Structure formats: structure tokens, C-alpha cells
Amino acid sequence: MIRWGLILAVVIIAAGAWFDWTYHAVRTEIHELHSRLASASQRPSADTQADCGRVHELHSNPIARMFMPHGLATLTEACDHIAAQGGAESNP
């Protein structure tokens, strides 16, 4: 019985460590993308499309969708704004 308790404790600790690591990785990526896209809205670069691709990939992450929906919405709006500016500049 004690053996099953120890196994269960290890599984719970491992799941908690994975969740914590994933949460902090997503939070760091959202903050990084927010700062990069804020500067890209003034002068878009070649990396802007790659950053917007990363934003769209974050929408498939359940932790990002569940715990940081406002950050994702802000990043999506920034990508849409940059895309609209790029489309307006390419058309004379």
C-alpha cells in the first residue's frame, strides 16, 4: 500500500512540475512576442510573419488558451493590425 502511495506521489509531483514548466514557458513566450510585435507595428521586419505564426501556434496550446486568453487576443489583434498595414502598403 505504501508503495502505491509513493508511486502516486511521484506521478502527481511530475505532473505538477510539467504544468509549472509549461505555464512559465508559455507566459515567457507571450511576453516576448508582445514586446517584439509592439516594436514591429511601427516598422515591420521579415521576422514579423514568423512571430505571427508563433502566435497562431499558441492558439493550439490548451494552457495558453485556458490561462492567458487576453494575452493571446492582444497578440492576435497586433498580428491582424500588422497584416492590415502590410496589405495597405503593398497596394498603391
PDB file of N, CA and C in Angstrom:
ATOM      1  N   MET A   1       0.818  -1.189   0.000  1.00  0.00           N
ATOM      2  CA  MET A   1       0.000   0.000   0.000  1.00  0.00           C
ATOM      3  C   MET A   1       0.865   1.257   0.000  1.00  0.00           C
ATOM      4  N   ILE A   2       1.913   1.253   0.779  1.00  0.00           N
ATOM      5  CA  ILE A   2       2.806   2.409   0.826  1.00  0.00           C
ATOM      6  C   ILE A   2       3.478   2.601  -0.524  1.00  0.00           C
ATOM      7  N   ARG A   3       3.780   1.494  -1.178  1.00  0.00           N
ATOM      8  CA  ARG A   3       4.425   1.567  -2.491  1.00  0.00           C
ATOM      9  C   ARG A   3       3.536   2.285  -3.504  1.00  0.00           C
ATOM     10  N   TRP A   4       2.235   1.986  -3.518  1.00  0.00           N
ATOM     11  CA  TRP A   4       1.317   2.644  -4.439  1.00  0.00           C
ATOM     12  C   TRP A   4       1.175   4.125  -4.097  1.00  0.00           C
ATOM     13  N   GLY A   5       1.231   4.440  -2.830  1.00  0.00           N
ATOM     14  CA  GLY A   5       1.171   5.840  -2.406  1.00  0.00           C
ATOM     15  C   GLY A   5       2.384   6.624  -2.885  1.00  0.00           C
ATOM     16  N   LEU A   6       3.543   5.999  -2.805  1.00  0.00           N
ATOM     17  CA  LEU A   6       4.759   6.663  -3.285  1.00  0.00           C
ATOM     18  C   LEU A   6       4.730   6.842  -4.804  1.00  0.00           C
ATOM     19  N   ILE A   7       4.252   5.848  -5.503  1.00  0.00           N
ATOM     20  CA  ILE A   7       4.147   5.950  -6.966  1.00  0.00           C
ATOM     21  C   ILE A   7       3.173   7.058  -7.344  1.00  0.00           C
ATOM     22  N   LEU A   8       2.039   7.113  -6.650  1.00  0.00           N
ATOM     23  CA  LEU A   8       1.054   8.161  -6.911  1.00  0.00           C
ATOM     24  C   LEU A   8       1.638   9.546  -6.608  1.00  0.00           C
ATOM     25  N   ALA A   9       2.387   9.663  -5.527  1.00  0.00           N
ATOM     26  CA  ALA A   9       3.002  10.942  -5.175  1.00  0.00           C
ATOM     27  C   ALA A   9       4.000  11.382  -6.245  1.00  0.00           C
ATOM     28  N   VAL A  10       4.796  10.460  -6.755  1.00  0.00           N
ATOM     29  CA  VAL A  10       5.767  10.786  -7.800  1.00  0.00           C
ATOM     30  C   VAL A  10       5.053  11.223  -9.071  1.00  0.00           C
ATOM     31  N   VAL A  11       3.972  10.550  -9.430  1.00  0.00           N
ATOM     32  CA  VAL A  11       3.211  10.920 -10.628  1.00  0.00           C
ATOM     33  C   VAL A  11       2.610  12.312 -10.462  1.00  0.00           C
ATOM     34  N   ILE A  12       2.052  12.607  -9.304  1.00  0.00           N
ATOM     35  CA  ILE A  12       1.453  13.923  -9.064  1.00  0.00           C
ATOM     36  C   ILE A  12       2.514  15.013  -9.083  1.00  0.00           C
ATOM     37  N   ILE A  13       3.661  14.759  -8.493  1.00  0.00           N
ATOM     38  CA  ILE A  13       4.746  15.740  -8.492  1.00  0.00           C
ATOM     39  C   ILE A  13       5.260  15.970  -9.906  1.00  0.00           C
ATOM     40  N   ALA A  14       5.398  14.905 -10.691  1.00  0.00           N
ATOM     41  CA  ALA A  14       5.862  15.046 -12.070  1.00  0.00           C
ATOM     42  C   ALA A  14       4.854  15.830 -12.906  1.00  0.00           C
ATOM     43  N   ALA A  15       3.565  15.565 -12.726  1.00  0.00           N
ATOM     44  CA  ALA A  15       2.540  16.300 -13.471  1.00  0.00           C
ATOM     45  C   ALA A  15       2.544  17.773 -13.072  1.00  0.00           C
ATOM     46  N   GLY A  16       2.709  18.062 -11.812  1.00  0.00           N
ATOM     47  CA  GLY A  16       2.772  19.450 -11.353  1.00  0.00           C
ATOM     48  C   GLY A  16       3.998  20.169 -11.884  1.00  0.00           C
ATOM     49  N   ALA A  17       5.129  19.492 -11.918  1.00  0.00           N
ATOM     50  CA  ALA A  17       6.351  20.096 -12.456  1.00  0.00           C
ATOM     51  C   ALA A  17       6.205  20.361 -13.947  1.00  0.00           C
ATOM     52  N   TRP A  18       5.600  19.422 -14.683  1.00  0.00           N
ATOM     53  CA  TRP A  18       5.374  19.635 -16.119  1.00  0.00           C
ATOM     54  C   TRP A  18       4.449  20.818 -16.337  1.00  0.00           C
ATOM     55  N   PHE A  19       3.356  20.909 -15.580  1.00  0.00           N
ATOM     56  CA  PHE A  19       2.418  22.013 -15.731  1.00  0.00           C
ATOM     57  C   PHE A  19       3.099  23.345 -15.436  1.00  0.00           C
ATOM     58  N   ASP A  20       3.875  23.402 -14.357  1.00  0.00           N
ATOM     59  CA  ASP A  20       4.568  24.632 -13.987  1.00  0.00           C
ATOM     60  C   ASP A  20       5.553  25.054 -15.069  1.00  0.00           C
ATOM     61  N   TRP A  21       6.328  24.114 -15.583  1.00  0.00           N
ATOM     62  CA  TRP A  21       7.293  24.424 -16.635  1.00  0.00           C
ATOM     63  C   TRP A  21       6.588  24.917 -17.897  1.00  0.00           C
ATOM     64  N   THR A  22       5.506  24.248 -18.281  1.00  0.00           N
ATOM     65  CA  THR A  22       4.768  24.635 -19.479  1.00  0.00           C
ATOM     66  C   THR A  22       4.131  26.004 -19.305  1.00  0.00           C
ATOM     67  N   TYR A  23       3.552  26.272 -18.153  1.00  0.00           N
ATOM     68  CA  TYR A  23       2.917  27.561 -17.891  1.00  0.00           C
ATOM     69  C   TYR A  23       3.939  28.689 -17.996  1.00  0.00           C
ATOM     70  N   HIS A  24       5.092  28.525 -17.376  1.00  0.00           N
ATOM     71  CA  HIS A  24       6.108  29.572 -17.425  1.00  0.00           C
ATOM     72  C   HIS A  24       6.700  29.729 -18.824  1.00  0.00           C
ATOM     73  N   ALA A  25       6.832  28.648 -19.566  1.00  0.00           N
ATOM     74  CA  ALA A  25       7.332  28.742 -20.940  1.00  0.00           C
ATOM     75  C   ALA A  25       6.345  29.505 -21.823  1.00  0.00           C
ATOM     76  N   VAL A  26       5.063  29.227 -21.666  1.00  0.00           N
ATOM     77  CA  VAL A  26       4.042  29.923 -22.458  1.00  0.00           C
ATOM     78  C   VAL A  26       3.987  31.397 -22.058  1.00  0.00           C
ATOM     79  N   ARG A  27       4.035  31.659 -20.768  1.00  0.00           N
ATOM     80  CA  ARG A  27       3.992  33.051 -20.293  1.00  0.00           C
ATOM     81  C   ARG A  27       5.180  33.843 -20.815  1.00  0.00           C
ATOM     82  N   THR A  28       6.356  33.242 -20.799  1.00  0.00           N
ATOM     83  CA  THR A  28       7.548  33.904 -21.310  1.00  0.00           C
ATOM     84  C   THR A  28       7.427  34.158 -22.811  1.00  0.00           C
ATOM     85  N   GLU A  29       6.914  33.182 -23.542  1.00  0.00           N
ATOM     86  CA  GLU A  29       6.767  33.347 -24.988  1.00  0.00           C
ATOM     87  C   GLU A  29       5.757  34.434 -25.320  1.00  0.00           C
ATOM     88  N   ILE A  30       4.668  34.516 -24.566  1.00  0.00           N
ATOM     89  CA  ILE A  30       3.673  35.557 -24.816  1.00  0.00           C
ATOM     90  C   ILE A  30       4.264  36.934 -24.555  1.00  0.00           C
ATOM     91  N   HIS A  31       5.011  37.090 -23.472  1.00  0.00           N
ATOM     92  CA  HIS A  31       5.629  38.388 -23.182  1.00  0.00           C
ATOM     93  C   HIS A  31       6.676  38.753 -24.236  1.00  0.00           C
ATOM     94  N   GLU A  32       7.446  37.777 -24.669  1.00  0.00           N
ATOM     95  CA  GLU A  32       8.455  38.020 -25.704  1.00  0.00           C
ATOM     96  C   GLU A  32       7.794  38.443 -27.019  1.00  0.00           C
ATOM     97  N   LEU A  33       6.758  37.727 -27.410  1.00  0.00           N
ATOM     98  CA  LEU A  33       6.060  38.067 -28.650  1.00  0.00           C
ATOM     99  C   LEU A  33       5.384  39.423 -28.550  1.00  0.00           C
ATOM    100  N   HIS A  34       4.845  39.742 -27.384  1.00  0.00           N
ATOM    101  CA  HIS A  34       4.191  41.037 -27.208  1.00  0.00           C
ATOM    102  C   HIS A  34       5.189  42.178 -27.404  1.00  0.00           C
ATOM    103  N   SER A  35       6.377  42.038 -26.844  1.00  0.00           N
ATOM    104  CA  SER A  35       7.373  43.104 -26.997  1.00  0.00           C
ATOM    105  C   SER A  35       7.891  43.180 -28.433  1.00  0.00           C
ATOM    106  N   ARG A  36       8.059  42.031 -29.082  1.00  0.00           N
ATOM    107  CA  ARG A  36       8.543  42.042 -30.466  1.00  0.00           C
ATOM    108  C   ARG A  36       7.500  42.603 -31.423  1.00  0.00           C
ATOM    109  N   LEU A  37       6.240  42.248 -31.222  1.00  0.00           N
ATOM    110  CA  LEU A  37       5.189  42.730 -32.123  1.00  0.00           C
ATOM    111  C   LEU A  37       4.853  44.192 -31.864  1.00  0.00           C
ATOM    112  N   ALA A  38       5.063  44.674 -30.647  1.00  0.00           N
ATOM    113  CA  ALA A  38       4.830  46.087 -30.363  1.00  0.00           C
ATOM    114  C   ALA A  38       5.812  46.954 -31.143  1.00  0.00           C
ATOM    115  N   SER A  39       7.062  46.509 -31.229  1.00  0.00           N
ATOM    116  CA  SER A  39       8.037  47.276 -31.999  1.00  0.00           C
ATOM    117  C   SER A  39       7.861  47.030 -33.499  1.00  0.00           C
ATOM    118  N   ALA A  40       7.333  45.884 -33.873  1.00  0.00           N
ATOM    119  CA  ALA A  40       7.146  45.571 -35.291  1.00  0.00           C
ATOM    120  C   ALA A  40       5.965  46.331 -35.888  1.00  0.00           C
ATOM    121  N   SER A  41       5.033  46.777 -35.041  1.00  0.00           N
ATOM    122  CA  SER A  41       3.891  47.517 -35.580  1.00  0.00           C
ATOM    123  C   SER A  41       4.338  48.862 -36.139  1.00  0.00           C
ATOM    124  N   GLN A  42       5.441  49.387 -35.631  1.00  0.00           N
ATOM    125  CA  GLN A  42       5.953  50.662 -36.140  1.00  0.00           C
ATOM    126  C   GLN A  42       6.761  50.452 -37.407  1.00  0.00           C
ATOM    127  N   ARG A  43       7.550  49.399 -37.445  1.00  0.00           N
ATOM    128  CA  ARG A  43       8.348  49.086 -38.639  1.00  0.00           C
ATOM    129  C   ARG A  43       8.449  47.566 -38.766  1.00  0.00           C
ATOM    130  N   PRO A  44       7.569  46.969 -39.553  1.00  0.00           N
ATOM    131  CA  PRO A  44       7.572  45.508 -39.702  1.00  0.00           C
ATOM    132  C   PRO A  44       8.877  45.005 -40.320  1.00  0.00           C
ATOM    133  N   SER A  45       9.309  43.848 -39.870  1.00  0.00           N
ATOM    134  CA  SER A  45      10.520  43.235 -40.402  1.00  0.00           C
ATOM    135  C   SER A  45      10.176  41.866 -40.983  1.00  0.00           C
ATOM    136  N   ALA A  46      11.193  41.181 -41.436  1.00  0.00           N
ATOM    137  CA  ALA A  46      10.981  39.848 -42.020  1.00  0.00           C
ATOM    138  C   ALA A  46      10.570  38.838 -40.949  1.00  0.00           C
ATOM    139  N   ASP A  47      10.970  39.080 -39.724  1.00  0.00           N
ATOM    140  CA  ASP A  47      10.632  38.148 -38.640  1.00  0.00           C
ATOM    141  C   ASP A  47       9.200  38.314 -38.145  1.00  0.00           C
ATOM    142  N   THR A  48       8.518  39.348 -38.576  1.00  0.00           N
ATOM    143  CA  THR A  48       7.165  39.609 -38.085  1.00  0.00           C
ATOM    144  C   THR A  48       6.214  38.491 -38.468  1.00  0.00           C
ATOM    145  N   GLN A  49       6.304  37.976 -39.676  1.00  0.00           N
ATOM    146  CA  GLN A  49       5.429  36.878 -40.087  1.00  0.00           C
ATOM    147  C   GLN A  49       5.715  35.615 -39.278  1.00  0.00           C
ATOM    148  N   ALA A  50       6.982  35.373 -38.975  1.00  0.00           N
ATOM    149  CA  ALA A  50       7.332  34.213 -38.151  1.00  0.00           C
ATOM    150  C   ALA A  50       6.766  34.375 -36.746  1.00  0.00           C
ATOM    151  N   ASP A  51       6.821  35.598 -36.210  1.00  0.00           N
ATOM    152  CA  ASP A  51       6.258  35.840 -34.883  1.00  0.00           C
ATOM    153  C   ASP A  51       4.746  35.650 -34.882  1.00  0.00           C
ATOM    154  N   CYS A  52       4.087  36.114 -35.946  1.00  0.00           N
ATOM    155  CA  CYS A  52       2.638  35.911 -36.040  1.00  0.00           C
ATOM    156  C   CYS A  52       2.310  34.426 -36.203  1.00  0.00           C
ATOM    157  N   GLY A  53       3.168  33.684 -36.855  1.00  0.00           N
ATOM    158  CA  GLY A  53       2.993  32.233 -36.944  1.00  0.00           C
ATOM    159  C   GLY A  53       3.094  31.579 -35.576  1.00  0.00           C
ATOM    160  N   ARG A  54       4.017  32.081 -34.740  1.00  0.00           N
ATOM    161  CA  ARG A  54       4.136  31.568 -33.375  1.00  0.00           C
ATOM    162  C   ARG A  54       2.887  31.886 -32.563  1.00  0.00           C
ATOM    163  N   VAL A  55       2.299  33.064 -32.819  1.00  0.00           N
ATOM    164  CA  VAL A  55       1.061  33.432 -32.115  1.00  0.00           C
ATOM    165  C   VAL A  55      -0.049  32.454 -32.484  1.00  0.00           C
ATOM    166  N   HIS A  56      -0.160  32.142 -33.755  1.00  0.00           N
ATOM    167  CA  HIS A  56      -1.206  31.214 -34.178  1.00  0.00           C
ATOM    168  C   HIS A  56      -0.949  29.799 -33.644  1.00  0.00           C
ATOM    169  N   GLU A  57       0.303  29.416 -33.472  1.00  0.00           N
ATOM    170  CA  GLU A  57       0.616  28.113 -32.872  1.00  0.00           C
ATOM    171  C   GLU A  57       0.226  28.073 -31.398  1.00  0.00           C
ATOM    172  N   LEU A  58       0.327  29.224 -30.715  1.00  0.00           N
ATOM    173  CA  LEU A  58      -0.054  29.261 -29.304  1.00  0.00           C
ATOM    174  C   LEU A  58      -1.550  29.012 -29.106  1.00  0.00           C
ATOM    175  N   HIS A  59      -2.348  29.273 -30.128  1.00  0.00           N
ATOM    176  CA  HIS A  59      -3.783  29.022 -30.014  1.00  0.00           C
ATOM    177  C   HIS A  59      -4.073  27.528 -29.888  1.00  0.00           C
ATOM    178  N   SER A  60      -3.159  26.671 -30.300  1.00  0.00           N
ATOM    179  CA  SER A  60      -3.367  25.231 -30.160  1.00  0.00           C
ATOM    180  C   SER A  60      -2.896  24.701 -28.804  1.00  0.00           C
ATOM    181  N   ASN A  61      -2.284  25.562 -28.000  1.00  0.00           N
ATOM    182  CA  ASN A  61      -1.804  25.158 -26.684  1.00  0.00           C
ATOM    183  C   ASN A  61      -2.934  25.329 -25.665  1.00  0.00           C
ATOM    184  N   PRO A  62      -3.395  24.242 -25.035  1.00  0.00           N
ATOM    185  CA  PRO A  62      -4.527  24.365 -24.104  1.00  0.00           C
ATOM    186  C   PRO A  62      -4.214  25.216 -22.882  1.00  0.00           C
ATOM    187  N   ILE A  63      -2.984  25.214 -22.420  1.00  0.00           N
ATOM    188  CA  ILE A  63      -2.627  26.026 -21.254  1.00  0.00           C
ATOM    189  C   ILE A  63      -2.685  27.506 -21.603  1.00  0.00           C
ATOM    190  N   ALA A  64      -2.217  27.867 -22.788  1.00  0.00           N
ATOM    191  CA  ALA A  64      -2.273  29.264 -23.209  1.00  0.00           C
ATOM    192  C   ALA A  64      -3.718  29.709 -23.386  1.00  0.00           C
ATOM    193  N   ARG A  65      -4.538  28.865 -23.983  1.00  0.00           N
ATOM    194  CA  ARG A  65      -5.948  29.223 -24.183  1.00  0.00           C
ATOM    195  C   ARG A  65      -6.698  29.338 -22.868  1.00  0.00           C
ATOM    196  N   MET A  66      -6.384  28.468 -21.913  1.00  0.00           N
ATOM    197  CA  MET A  66      -7.137  28.435 -20.669  1.00  0.00           C
ATOM    198  C   MET A  66      -6.712  29.537 -19.698  1.00  0.00           C
ATOM    199  N   PHE A  67      -5.406  29.770 -19.578  1.00  0.00           N
ATOM    200  CA  PHE A  67      -4.920  30.667 -18.538  1.00  0.00           C
ATOM    201  C   PHE A  67      -4.520  32.055 -19.045  1.00  0.00           C
ATOM    202  N   MET A  68      -4.334  32.233 -20.349  1.00  0.00           N
ATOM    203  CA  MET A  68      -3.898  33.519 -20.885  1.00  0.00           C
ATOM    204  C   MET A  68      -4.690  33.927 -22.124  1.00  0.00           C
ATOM    205  N   PRO A  69      -6.014  33.891 -22.061  1.00  0.00           N
ATOM    206  CA  PRO A  69      -6.787  34.221 -23.267  1.00  0.00           C
ATOM    207  C   PRO A  69      -6.670  35.683 -23.664  1.00  0.00           C
ATOM    208  N   HIS A  70      -6.517  36.574 -22.685  1.00  0.00           N
ATOM    209  CA  HIS A  70      -6.423  38.000 -23.014  1.00  0.00           C
ATOM    210  C   HIS A  70      -5.093  38.317 -23.691  1.00  0.00           C
ATOM    211  N   GLY A  71      -4.023  37.670 -23.256  1.00  0.00           N
ATOM    212  CA  GLY A  71      -2.731  37.860 -23.909  1.00  0.00           C
ATOM    213  C   GLY A  71      -2.746  37.358 -25.339  1.00  0.00           C
ATOM    214  N   LEU A  72      -3.380  36.219 -25.563  1.00  0.00           N
ATOM    215  CA  LEU A  72      -3.499  35.684 -26.926  1.00  0.00           C
ATOM    216  C   LEU A  72      -4.351  36.598 -27.802  1.00  0.00           C
ATOM    217  N   ALA A  73      -5.425  37.131 -27.235  1.00  0.00           N
ATOM    218  CA  ALA A  73      -6.284  38.024 -28.010  1.00  0.00           C
ATOM    219  C   ALA A  73      -5.532  39.293 -28.399  1.00  0.00           C
ATOM    220  N   THR A  74      -4.736  39.820 -27.482  1.00  0.00           N
ATOM    221  CA  THR A  74      -3.949  41.018 -27.769  1.00  0.00           C
ATOM    222  C   THR A  74      -2.927  40.748 -28.866  1.00  0.00           C
ATOM    223  N   LEU A  75      -2.266  39.603 -28.796  1.00  0.00           N
ATOM    224  CA  LEU A  75      -1.279  39.263 -29.816  1.00  0.00           C
ATOM    225  C   LEU A  75      -1.934  39.040 -31.178  1.00  0.00           C
ATOM    226  N   THR A  76      -3.091  38.417 -31.184  1.00  0.00           N
ATOM    227  CA  THR A  76      -3.803  38.191 -32.445  1.00  0.00           C
ATOM    228  C   THR A  76      -4.227  39.514 -33.068  1.00  0.00           C
ATOM    229  N   GLU A  77      -4.698  40.440 -32.247  1.00  0.00           N
ATOM    230  CA  GLU A  77      -5.067  41.765 -32.754  1.00  0.00           C
ATOM    231  C   GLU A  77      -3.852  42.489 -33.323  1.00  0.00           C
ATOM    232  N   ALA A  78      -2.707  42.362 -32.650  1.00  0.00           N
ATOM    233  CA  ALA A  78      -1.485  43.009 -33.155  1.00  0.00           C
ATOM    234  C   ALA A  78      -1.078  42.416 -34.498  1.00  0.00           C
ATOM    235  N   CYS A  79      -1.186  41.089 -34.640  1.00  0.00           N
ATOM    236  CA  CYS A  79      -0.843  40.454 -35.918  1.00  0.00           C
ATOM    237  C   CYS A  79      -1.819  40.880 -37.014  1.00  0.00           C
ATOM    238  N   ASP A  80      -3.098  40.970 -36.667  1.00  0.00           N
ATOM    239  CA  ASP A  80      -4.084  41.416 -37.654  1.00  0.00           C
ATOM    240  C   ASP A  80      -3.820  42.857 -38.071  1.00  0.00           C
ATOM    241  N   HIS A  81      -3.447  43.691 -37.125  1.00  0.00           N
ATOM    242  CA  HIS A  81      -3.140  45.093 -37.428  1.00  0.00           C
ATOM    243  C   HIS A  81      -1.911  45.203 -38.327  1.00  0.00           C
ATOM    244  N   ILE A  82      -0.897  44.419 -38.035  1.00  0.00           N
ATOM    245  CA  ILE A  82       0.326  44.440 -38.850  1.00  0.00           C
ATOM    246  C   ILE A  82       0.024  43.924 -40.250  1.00  0.00           C
ATOM    247  N   ALA A  83      -0.786  42.867 -40.342  1.00  0.00           N
ATOM    248  CA  ALA A  83      -1.149  42.331 -41.646  1.00  0.00           C
ATOM    249  C   ALA A  83      -1.966  43.342 -42.452  1.00  0.00           C
ATOM    250  N   ALA A  84      -2.847  44.074 -41.770  1.00  0.00           N
ATOM    251  CA  ALA A  84      -3.641  45.093 -42.470  1.00  0.00           C
ATOM    252  C   ALA A  84      -2.759  46.231 -42.962  1.00  0.00           C
ATOM    253  N   GLN A  85      -1.769  46.614 -42.169  1.00  0.00           N
ATOM    254  CA  GLN A  85      -0.842  47.672 -42.603  1.00  0.00           C
ATOM    255  C   GLN A  85      -0.003  47.190 -43.780  1.00  0.00           C
ATOM    256  N   GLY A  86       0.440  45.948 -43.732  1.00  0.00           N
ATOM    257  CA  GLY A  86       1.247  45.401 -44.821  1.00  0.00           C
ATOM    258  C   GLY A  86       0.459  45.319 -46.108  1.00  0.00           C
ATOM    259  N   GLY A  87      -0.806  44.934 -46.013  1.00  0.00           N
ATOM    260  CA  GLY A  87      -1.648  44.854 -47.194  1.00  0.00           C
ATOM    261  C   GLY A  87      -1.940  46.234 -47.762  1.00  0.00           C
ATOM    262  N   ALA A  88      -2.084  47.232 -46.897  1.00  0.00           N
ATOM    263  CA  ALA A  88      -2.381  48.580 -47.350  1.00  0.00           C
ATOM    264  C   ALA A  88      -1.157  49.207 -48.015  1.00  0.00           C
ATOM    265  N   GLU A  89       0.042  48.862 -47.506  1.00  0.00           N
ATOM    266  CA  GLU A  89       1.254  49.439 -48.065  1.00  0.00           C
ATOM    267  C   GLU A  89       1.598  48.798 -49.409  1.00  0.00           C
ATOM    268  N   SER A  90       1.248  47.524 -49.606  1.00  0.00           N
ATOM    269  CA  SER A  90       1.606  46.864 -50.852  1.00  0.00           C
ATOM    270  C   SER A  90       0.680  47.276 -51.998  1.00  0.00           C
ATOM    271  N   ASN A  91      -0.537  47.707 -51.672  1.00  0.00           N
ATOM    272  CA  ASN A  91      -1.462  48.157 -52.710  1.00  0.00           C
ATOM    273  C   ASN A  91      -1.319  49.666 -52.901  1.00  0.00           C
ATOM    274  N   PRO A  92      -1.090  50.147 -54.140  1.00  0.00           N
ATOM    275  CA  PRO A  92      -0.949  51.600 -54.329  1.00  0.00           C
ATOM    276  C   PRO A  92      -2.249  52.335 -54.235  1.00  0.00           C
TER     277      PRO A  92
END
